[in-house]
């Protein structure tokens, strides 16, 4: 069953550009996978400490596989808080 991961991250003050830069490797790797239908990390146009994420995967298993094998660049240390949800898509 396809799964969508979507939400927002509150990034530590002054660290948003660094977070985006550190996200590029994960975005690039994910987009190369057949199991990844979309993967985006983008800045919020109004809030300078907010980043929006959107991912679409063919299945929960492929999402978990990527999470367990993707890059580890400590980008999460730049996150102050987050509100991200996973949604299974019935097709």
PDB file of N, CA and C in Angstrom:
ATOM      1  N   UNK A   1       0.848  -1.175   0.000  1.00  0.00           N
ATOM      2  CA  UNK A   1       0.000   0.000   0.000  1.00  0.00           C
ATOM      3  C   UNK A   1       0.900   1.247   0.000  1.00  0.00           C
ATOM      4  N   UNK A   2       0.680   2.182  -0.911  1.00  0.00           N
ATOM      5  CA  UNK A   2       1.480   3.417  -0.944  1.00  0.00           C
ATOM      6  C   UNK A   2       1.356   4.198   0.361  1.00  0.00           C
ATOM      7  N   UNK A   3       2.403   4.945   0.669  1.00  0.00           N
ATOM      8  CA  UNK A   3       2.409   5.749   1.886  1.00  0.00           C
ATOM      9  C   UNK A   3       2.950   7.142   1.597  1.00  0.00           C
ATOM     10  N   UNK A   4       2.296   8.128   2.176  1.00  0.00           N
ATOM     11  CA  UNK A   4       2.730   9.522   2.066  1.00  0.00           C
ATOM     12  C   UNK A   4       3.215   9.970   3.431  1.00  0.00           C
ATOM     13  N   UNK A   5       4.356  10.618   3.437  1.00  0.00           N
ATOM     14  CA  UNK A   5       4.918  11.231   4.643  1.00  0.00           C
ATOM     15  C   UNK A   5       4.898  12.732   4.397  1.00  0.00           C
ATOM     16  N   UNK A   6       4.219  13.476   5.261  1.00  0.00           N
ATOM     17  CA  UNK A   6       4.102  14.916   5.044  1.00  0.00           C
ATOM     18  C   UNK A   6       4.051  15.646   6.375  1.00  0.00           C
ATOM     19  N   UNK A   7       4.611  16.841   6.374  1.00  0.00           N
ATOM     20  CA  UNK A   7       4.547  17.651   7.575  1.00  0.00           C
ATOM     21  C   UNK A   7       5.535  18.797   7.557  1.00  0.00           C
ATOM     22  N   UNK A   8       5.793  19.298   8.760  1.00  0.00           N
ATOM     23  CA  UNK A   8       6.670  20.456   8.891  1.00  0.00           C
ATOM     24  C   UNK A   8       7.675  20.219  10.005  1.00  0.00           C
ATOM     25  N   UNK A   9       8.828  20.825   9.826  1.00  0.00           N
ATOM     26  CA  UNK A   9       9.886  20.790  10.825  1.00  0.00           C
ATOM     27  C   UNK A   9      10.188  22.215  11.248  1.00  0.00           C
ATOM     28  N   UNK A  10      10.381  22.426  12.526  1.00  0.00           N
ATOM     29  CA  UNK A  10      10.854  23.713  13.025  1.00  0.00           C
ATOM     30  C   UNK A  10      12.350  23.549  13.220  1.00  0.00           C
ATOM     31  N   UNK A  11      13.111  24.344  12.462  1.00  0.00           N
ATOM     32  CA  UNK A  11      14.561  24.267  12.469  1.00  0.00           C
ATOM     33  C   UNK A  11      15.119  25.309  13.444  1.00  0.00           C
ATOM     34  N   UNK A  12      16.220  24.963  14.100  1.00  0.00           N
ATOM     35  CA  UNK A  12      16.851  25.905  15.022  1.00  0.00           C
ATOM     36  C   UNK A  12      17.161  27.206  14.295  1.00  0.00           C
ATOM     37  N   UNK A  13      17.010  28.301  14.992  1.00  0.00           N
ATOM     38  CA  UNK A  13      17.190  29.631  14.411  1.00  0.00           C
ATOM     39  C   UNK A  13      18.528  29.753  13.684  1.00  0.00           C
ATOM     40  N   UNK A  14      18.443  30.224  12.445  1.00  0.00           N
ATOM     41  CA  UNK A  14      19.634  30.440  11.634  1.00  0.00           C
ATOM     42  C   UNK A  14      20.215  29.191  10.992  1.00  0.00           C
ATOM     43  N   UNK A  15      19.559  28.051  11.129  1.00  0.00           N
ATOM     44  CA  UNK A  15      20.102  26.780  10.627  1.00  0.00           C
ATOM     45  C   UNK A  15      19.319  26.198   9.448  1.00  0.00           C
ATOM     46  N   UNK A  16      18.317  26.930   8.956  1.00  0.00           N
ATOM     47  CA  UNK A  16      17.463  26.383   7.900  1.00  0.00           C
ATOM     48  C   UNK A  16      18.256  26.053   6.637  1.00  0.00           C
ATOM     49  N   UNK A  17      19.096  26.955   6.175  1.00  0.00           N
ATOM     50  CA  UNK A  17      19.862  26.696   4.949  1.00  0.00           C
ATOM     51  C   UNK A  17      20.799  25.503   5.124  1.00  0.00           C
ATOM     52  N   UNK A  18      21.385  25.370   6.304  1.00  0.00           N
ATOM     53  CA  UNK A  18      22.256  24.224   6.581  1.00  0.00           C
ATOM     54  C   UNK A  18      21.442  22.927   6.531  1.00  0.00           C
ATOM     55  N   UNK A  19      20.233  22.954   7.094  1.00  0.00           N
ATOM     56  CA  UNK A  19      19.377  21.766   7.061  1.00  0.00           C
ATOM     57  C   UNK A  19      19.043  21.390   5.618  1.00  0.00           C
ATOM     58  N   UNK A  20      18.664  22.368   4.827  1.00  0.00           N
ATOM     59  CA  UNK A  20      18.337  22.100   3.413  1.00  0.00           C
ATOM     60  C   UNK A  20      19.550  21.509   2.699  1.00  0.00           C
ATOM     61  N   UNK A  21      20.709  22.081   2.908  1.00  0.00           N
ATOM     62  CA  UNK A  21      21.934  21.585   2.271  1.00  0.00           C
ATOM     63  C   UNK A  21      22.200  20.135   2.674  1.00  0.00           C
ATOM     64  N   UNK A  22      22.030  19.825   3.954  1.00  0.00           N
ATOM     65  CA  UNK A  22      22.260  18.463   4.432  1.00  0.00           C
ATOM     66  C   UNK A  22      21.193  17.499   3.915  1.00  0.00           C
ATOM     67  N   UNK A  23      20.049  17.984   3.498  1.00  0.00           N
ATOM     68  CA  UNK A  23      18.965  17.144   2.995  1.00  0.00           C
ATOM     69  C   UNK A  23      19.166  16.714   1.544  1.00  0.00           C
ATOM     70  N   UNK A  24      19.996  17.414   0.824  1.00  0.00           N
ATOM     71  CA  UNK A  24      20.152  17.164  -0.619  1.00  0.00           C
ATOM     72  C   UNK A  24      20.576  15.731  -0.917  1.00  0.00           C
ATOM     73  N   UNK A  25      21.482  15.188  -0.132  1.00  0.00           N
ATOM     74  CA  UNK A  25      21.942  13.816  -0.380  1.00  0.00           C
ATOM     75  C   UNK A  25      20.792  12.819  -0.239  1.00  0.00           C
ATOM     76  N   UNK A  26      20.009  12.942   0.824  1.00  0.00           N
ATOM     77  CA  UNK A  26      18.877  12.030   1.031  1.00  0.00           C
ATOM     78  C   UNK A  26      17.843  12.177  -0.079  1.00  0.00           C
ATOM     79  N   UNK A  27      17.560  13.411  -0.463  1.00  0.00           N
ATOM     80  CA  UNK A  27      16.594  13.652  -1.539  1.00  0.00           C
ATOM     81  C   UNK A  27      17.072  12.982  -2.826  1.00  0.00           C
ATOM     82  N   UNK A  28      18.321  13.192  -3.169  1.00  0.00           N
ATOM     83  CA  UNK A  28      18.887  12.624  -4.400  1.00  0.00           C
ATOM     84  C   UNK A  28      18.859  11.104  -4.391  1.00  0.00           C
ATOM     85  N   UNK A  29      19.281  10.507  -3.270  1.00  0.00           N
ATOM     86  CA  UNK A  29      19.278   9.045  -3.172  1.00  0.00           C
ATOM     87  C   UNK A  29      17.864   8.484  -3.268  1.00  0.00           C
ATOM     88  N   UNK A  30      16.920   9.096  -2.575  1.00  0.00           N
ATOM     89  CA  UNK A  30      15.540   8.608  -2.590  1.00  0.00           C
ATOM     90  C   UNK A  30      14.945   8.683  -3.990  1.00  0.00           C
ATOM     91  N   UNK A  31      15.149   9.799  -4.655  1.00  0.00           N
ATOM     92  CA  UNK A  31      14.553   9.982  -5.986  1.00  0.00           C
ATOM     93  C   UNK A  31      15.088   9.009  -7.021  1.00  0.00           C
ATOM     94  N   UNK A  32      16.249   8.426  -6.778  1.00  0.00           N
ATOM     95  CA  UNK A  32      16.821   7.444  -7.706  1.00  0.00           C
ATOM     96  C   UNK A  32      16.183   6.072  -7.561  1.00  0.00           C
ATOM     97  N   UNK A  33      15.470   5.851  -6.466  1.00  0.00           N
ATOM     98  CA  UNK A  33      14.861   4.551  -6.203  1.00  0.00           C
ATOM     99  C   UNK A  33      13.508   4.419  -6.886  1.00  0.00           C
ATOM    100  N   UNK A  34      13.249   3.272  -7.479  1.00  0.00           N
ATOM    101  CA  UNK A  34      11.946   3.017  -8.094  1.00  0.00           C
ATOM    102  C   UNK A  34      10.828   3.083  -7.065  1.00  0.00           C
ATOM    103  N   UNK A  35      11.140   2.730  -5.830  1.00  0.00           N
ATOM    104  CA  UNK A  35      10.129   2.698  -4.772  1.00  0.00           C
ATOM    105  C   UNK A  35       9.711   4.085  -4.307  1.00  0.00           C
ATOM    106  N   UNK A  36      10.498   5.087  -4.631  1.00  0.00           N
ATOM    107  CA  UNK A  36      10.193   6.467  -4.224  1.00  0.00           C
ATOM    108  C   UNK A  36       9.504   7.182  -5.382  1.00  0.00           C
ATOM    109  N   UNK A  37       8.277   7.593  -5.156  1.00  0.00           N
ATOM    110  CA  UNK A  37       7.530   8.304  -6.195  1.00  0.00           C
ATOM    111  C   UNK A  37       7.718   9.812  -6.097  1.00  0.00           C
ATOM    112  N   UNK A  38       8.075  10.309  -4.911  1.00  0.00           N
ATOM    113  CA  UNK A  38       8.355  11.738  -4.736  1.00  0.00           C
ATOM    114  C   UNK A  38       9.054  11.937  -3.396  1.00  0.00           C
ATOM    115  N   UNK A  39       9.913  12.925  -3.335  1.00  0.00           N
ATOM    116  CA  UNK A  39      10.628  13.257  -2.099  1.00  0.00           C
ATOM    117  C   UNK A  39      11.043  14.712  -2.216  1.00  0.00           C
ATOM    118  N   UNK A  40      10.548  15.531  -1.307  1.00  0.00           N
ATOM    119  CA  UNK A  40      10.834  16.959  -1.377  1.00  0.00           C
ATOM    120  C   UNK A  40      11.010  17.533   0.025  1.00  0.00           C
ATOM    121  N   UNK A  41      11.991  18.386   0.167  1.00  0.00           N
ATOM    122  CA  UNK A  41      12.216  19.165   1.386  1.00  0.00           C
ATOM    123  C   UNK A  41      12.307  20.607   0.915  1.00  0.00           C
ATOM    124  N   UNK A  42      11.449  21.471   1.436  1.00  0.00           N
ATOM    125  CA  UNK A  42      11.433  22.841   0.936  1.00  0.00           C
ATOM    126  C   UNK A  42      11.271  23.854   2.060  1.00  0.00           C
ATOM    127  N   UNK A  43      11.824  25.033   1.815  1.00  0.00           N
ATOM    128  CA  UNK A  43      11.705  26.109   2.799  1.00  0.00           C
ATOM    129  C   UNK A  43      10.296  26.684   2.750  1.00  0.00           C
ATOM    130  N   UNK A  44       9.846  27.149   3.887  1.00  0.00           N
ATOM    131  CA  UNK A  44       8.566  27.831   3.965  1.00  0.00           C
ATOM    132  C   UNK A  44       8.786  29.288   3.539  1.00  0.00           C
ATOM    133  N   UNK A  45       7.943  29.847   2.682  1.00  0.00           N
ATOM    134  CA  UNK A  45       8.168  31.207   2.189  1.00  0.00           C
ATOM    135  C   UNK A  45       7.899  32.307   3.214  1.00  0.00           C
ATOM    136  N   UNK A  46       7.267  31.956   4.329  1.00  0.00           N
ATOM    137  CA  UNK A  46       6.916  32.968   5.325  1.00  0.00           C
ATOM    138  C   UNK A  46       7.724  32.817   6.607  1.00  0.00           C
ATOM    139  N   UNK A  47       7.875  31.585   7.086  1.00  0.00           N
ATOM    140  CA  UNK A  47       8.547  31.318   8.356  1.00  0.00           C
ATOM    141  C   UNK A  47       9.981  30.857   8.083  1.00  0.00           C
ATOM    142  N   UNK A  48      10.959  31.660   8.465  1.00  0.00           N
ATOM    143  CA  UNK A  48      12.357  31.351   8.159  1.00  0.00           C
ATOM    144  C   UNK A  48      12.922  30.168   8.952  1.00  0.00           C
ATOM    145  N   UNK A  49      12.172  29.658   9.913  1.00  0.00           N
ATOM    146  CA  UNK A  49      12.628  28.508  10.692  1.00  0.00           C
ATOM    147  C   UNK A  49      11.806  27.248  10.425  1.00  0.00           C
ATOM    148  N   UNK A  50      11.012  27.279   9.355  1.00  0.00           N
ATOM    149  CA  UNK A  50      10.161  26.133   9.023  1.00  0.00           C
ATOM    150  C   UNK A  50      10.598  25.510   7.703  1.00  0.00           C
ATOM    151  N   UNK A  51      10.571  24.178   7.682  1.00  0.00           N
ATOM    152  CA  UNK A  51      10.842  23.408   6.478  1.00  0.00           C
ATOM    153  C   UNK A  51       9.675  22.449   6.292  1.00  0.00           C
ATOM    154  N   UNK A  52       9.188  22.312   5.069  1.00  0.00           N
ATOM    155  CA  UNK A  52       8.092  21.408   4.745  1.00  0.00           C
ATOM    156  C   UNK A  52       8.652  20.171   4.061  1.00  0.00           C
ATOM    157  N   UNK A  53       8.100  19.017   4.397  1.00  0.00           N
ATOM    158  CA  UNK A  53       8.545  17.794   3.742  1.00  0.00           C
ATOM    159  C   UNK A  53       7.359  17.063   3.123  1.00  0.00           C
ATOM    160  N   UNK A  54       7.653  16.373   2.028  1.00  0.00           N
ATOM    161  CA  UNK A  54       6.656  15.540   1.368  1.00  0.00           C
ATOM    162  C   UNK A  54       7.388  14.363   0.747  1.00  0.00           C
ATOM    163  N   UNK A  55       6.914  13.170   1.062  1.00  0.00           N
ATOM    164  CA  UNK A  55       7.475  11.955   0.472  1.00  0.00           C
ATOM    165  C   UNK A  55       6.327  11.054   0.065  1.00  0.00           C
ATOM    166  N   UNK A  56       6.492  10.341  -1.045  1.00  0.00           N
ATOM    167  CA  UNK A  56       5.532   9.320  -1.444  1.00  0.00           C
ATOM    168  C   UNK A  56       6.314   8.069  -1.833  1.00  0.00           C
ATOM    169  N   UNK A  57       5.971   6.983  -1.162  1.00  0.00           N
ATOM    170  CA  UNK A  57       6.647   5.699  -1.359  1.00  0.00           C
ATOM    171  C   UNK A  57       5.636   4.647  -1.800  1.00  0.00           C
ATOM    172  N   UNK A  58       6.121   3.652  -2.537  1.00  0.00           N
ATOM    173  CA  UNK A  58       5.235   2.598  -3.019  1.00  0.00           C
ATOM    174  C   UNK A  58       4.716   1.713  -1.898  1.00  0.00           C
ATOM    175  N   UNK A  59       5.459   1.649  -0.772  1.00  0.00           N
ATOM    176  CA  UNK A  59       5.007   0.834   0.354  1.00  0.00           C
ATOM    177  C   UNK A  59       5.729   1.264   1.634  1.00  0.00           C
ATOM    178  N   UNK A  60       5.167   0.882   2.759  1.00  0.00           N
ATOM    179  CA  UNK A  60       5.806   1.149   4.054  1.00  0.00           C
ATOM    180  C   UNK A  60       7.156   0.425   4.124  1.00  0.00           C
ATOM    181  N   UNK A  61       7.210  -0.784   3.579  1.00  0.00           N
ATOM    182  CA  UNK A  61       8.453  -1.560   3.610  1.00  0.00           C
ATOM    183  C   UNK A  61       9.578  -0.831   2.887  1.00  0.00           C
ATOM    184  N   UNK A  62       9.271  -0.236   1.735  1.00  0.00           N
ATOM    185  CA  UNK A  62      10.328   0.458   0.995  1.00  0.00           C
ATOM    186  C   UNK A  62      10.737   1.752   1.705  1.00  0.00           C
ATOM    187  N   UNK A  63       9.793   2.404   2.352  1.00  0.00           N
ATOM    188  CA  UNK A  63      10.114   3.590   3.149  1.00  0.00           C
ATOM    189  C   UNK A  63      11.052   3.209   4.292  1.00  0.00           C
ATOM    190  N   UNK A  64      10.717   2.149   5.021  1.00  0.00           N
ATOM    191  CA  UNK A  64      11.546   1.708   6.147  1.00  0.00           C
ATOM    192  C   UNK A  64      12.926   1.269   5.671  1.00  0.00           C
ATOM    193  N   UNK A  65      12.978   0.601   4.538  1.00  0.00           N
ATOM    194  CA  UNK A  65      14.257   0.175   3.982  1.00  0.00           C
ATOM    195  C   UNK A  65      15.142   1.387   3.706  1.00  0.00           C
ATOM    196  N   UNK A  66      14.562   2.431   3.124  1.00  0.00           N
ATOM    197  CA  UNK A  66      15.340   3.639   2.861  1.00  0.00           C
ATOM    198  C   UNK A  66      15.787   4.292   4.165  1.00  0.00           C
ATOM    199  N   UNK A  67      14.892   4.390   5.113  1.00  0.00           N
ATOM    200  CA  UNK A  67      15.242   5.003   6.403  1.00  0.00           C
ATOM    201  C   UNK A  67      16.398   4.278   7.080  1.00  0.00           C
ATOM    202  N   UNK A  68      16.430   2.965   6.936  1.00  0.00           N
ATOM    203  CA  UNK A  68      17.482   2.177   7.582  1.00  0.00           C
ATOM    204  C   UNK A  68      18.798   2.175   6.816  1.00  0.00           C
ATOM    205  N   UNK A  69      18.773   2.619   5.570  1.00  0.00           N
ATOM    206  CA  UNK A  69      19.996   2.579   4.772  1.00  0.00           C
ATOM    207  C   UNK A  69      20.405   3.946   4.221  1.00  0.00           C
ATOM    208  N   UNK A  70      19.575   4.956   4.430  1.00  0.00           N
ATOM    209  CA  UNK A  70      19.860   6.280   3.888  1.00  0.00           C
ATOM    210  C   UNK A  70      21.032   6.953   4.584  1.00  0.00           C
ATOM    211  N   UNK A  71      21.399   8.128   4.109  1.00  0.00           N
ATOM    212  CA  UNK A  71      22.555   8.834   4.672  1.00  0.00           C
ATOM    213  C   UNK A  71      22.313   9.273   6.117  1.00  0.00           C
ATOM    214  N   UNK A  72      23.381   9.291   6.887  1.00  0.00           N
ATOM    215  CA  UNK A  72      23.310   9.751   8.269  1.00  0.00           C
ATOM    216  C   UNK A  72      24.274  10.924   8.412  1.00  0.00           C
ATOM    217  N   UNK A  73      23.738  12.139   8.241  1.00  0.00           N
ATOM    218  CA  UNK A  73      24.593  13.326   8.287  1.00  0.00           C
ATOM    219  C   UNK A  73      24.262  14.218   9.477  1.00  0.00           C
ATOM    220  N   UNK A  74      23.543  13.692  10.434  1.00  0.00           N
ATOM    221  CA  UNK A  74      23.201  14.394  11.662  1.00  0.00           C
ATOM    222  C   UNK A  74      22.337  15.639  11.416  1.00  0.00           C
ATOM    223  N   UNK A  75      21.584  15.666  10.341  1.00  0.00           N
ATOM    224  CA  UNK A  75      20.725  16.822  10.072  1.00  0.00           C
ATOM    225  C   UNK A  75      19.636  16.980  11.122  1.00  0.00           C
ATOM    226  N   UNK A  76      19.246  15.859  11.747  1.00  0.00           N
ATOM    227  CA  UNK A  76      18.176  15.941  12.743  1.00  0.00           C
ATOM    228  C   UNK A  76      18.589  16.766  13.961  1.00  0.00           C
ATOM    229  N   UNK A  77      19.887  16.933  14.184  1.00  0.00           N
ATOM    230  CA  UNK A  77      20.345  17.756  15.313  1.00  0.00           C
ATOM    231  C   UNK A  77      19.984  19.230  15.110  1.00  0.00           C
ATOM    232  N   UNK A  78      19.628  19.611  13.885  1.00  0.00           N
ATOM    233  CA  UNK A  78      19.246  20.992  13.575  1.00  0.00           C
ATOM    234  C   UNK A  78      17.751  21.230  13.773  1.00  0.00           C
ATOM    235  N   UNK A  79      17.003  20.179  14.068  1.00  0.00           N
ATOM    236  CA  UNK A  79      15.548  20.260  14.208  1.00  0.00           C
ATOM    237  C   UNK A  79      15.184  20.558  15.656  1.00  0.00           C
ATOM    238  N   UNK A  80      14.370  21.585  15.812  1.00  0.00           N
ATOM    239  CA  UNK A  80      13.880  21.962  17.139  1.00  0.00           C
ATOM    240  C   UNK A  80      12.631  21.167  17.509  1.00  0.00           C
ATOM    241  N   UNK A  81      11.716  21.027  16.568  1.00  0.00           N
ATOM    242  CA  UNK A  81      10.498  20.248  16.765  1.00  0.00           C
ATOM    243  C   UNK A  81       9.949  19.853  15.394  1.00  0.00           C
ATOM    244  N   UNK A  82       9.023  18.921  15.402  1.00  0.00           N
ATOM    245  CA  UNK A  82       8.451  18.496  14.121  1.00  0.00           C
ATOM    246  C   UNK A  82       7.016  18.013  14.305  1.00  0.00           C
ATOM    247  N   UNK A  83       6.273  18.096  13.221  1.00  0.00           N
ATOM    248  CA  UNK A  83       4.915  17.574  13.146  1.00  0.00           C
ATOM    249  C   UNK A  83       4.789  16.913  11.781  1.00  0.00           C
ATOM    250  N   UNK A  84       5.103  15.629  11.731  1.00  0.00           N
ATOM    251  CA  UNK A  84       5.125  14.870  10.486  1.00  0.00           C
ATOM    252  C   UNK A  84       4.240  13.652  10.665  1.00  0.00           C
ATOM    253  N   UNK A  85       3.426  13.370   9.663  1.00  0.00           N
ATOM    254  CA  UNK A  85       2.513  12.240   9.718  1.00  0.00           C
ATOM    255  C   UNK A  85       2.695  11.334   8.510  1.00  0.00           C
ATOM    256  N   UNK A  86       2.380  10.080   8.705  1.00  0.00           N
ATOM    257  CA  UNK A  86       2.388   9.108   7.621  1.00  0.00           C
ATOM    258  C   UNK A  86       0.950   8.715   7.301  1.00  0.00           C
ATOM    259  N   UNK A  87       0.637   8.671   6.026  1.00  0.00           N
ATOM    260  CA  UNK A  87      -0.722   8.382   5.583  1.00  0.00           C
ATOM    261  C   UNK A  87      -0.690   7.249   4.566  1.00  0.00           C
ATOM    262  N   UNK A  88      -1.378   6.164   4.851  1.00  0.00           N
ATOM    263  CA  UNK A  88      -1.489   5.081   3.887  1.00  0.00           C
ATOM    264  C   UNK A  88      -2.538   5.453   2.853  1.00  0.00           C
ATOM    265  N   UNK A  89      -2.233   5.180   1.606  1.00  0.00           N
ATOM    266  CA  UNK A  89      -3.115   5.552   0.506  1.00  0.00           C
ATOM    267  C   UNK A  89      -3.809   4.302  -0.005  1.00  0.00           C
ATOM    268  N   UNK A  90      -5.127   4.312   0.057  1.00  0.00           N
ATOM    269  CA  UNK A  90      -5.898   3.195  -0.498  1.00  0.00           C
ATOM    270  C   UNK A  90      -6.108   3.444  -1.977  1.00  0.00           C
ATOM    271  N   UNK A  91      -5.661   2.489  -2.772  1.00  0.00           N
ATOM    272  CA  UNK A  91      -5.803   2.655  -4.220  1.00  0.00           C
ATOM    273  C   UNK A  91      -6.819   1.717  -4.791  1.00  0.00           C
TER     274      UNK A  91
END
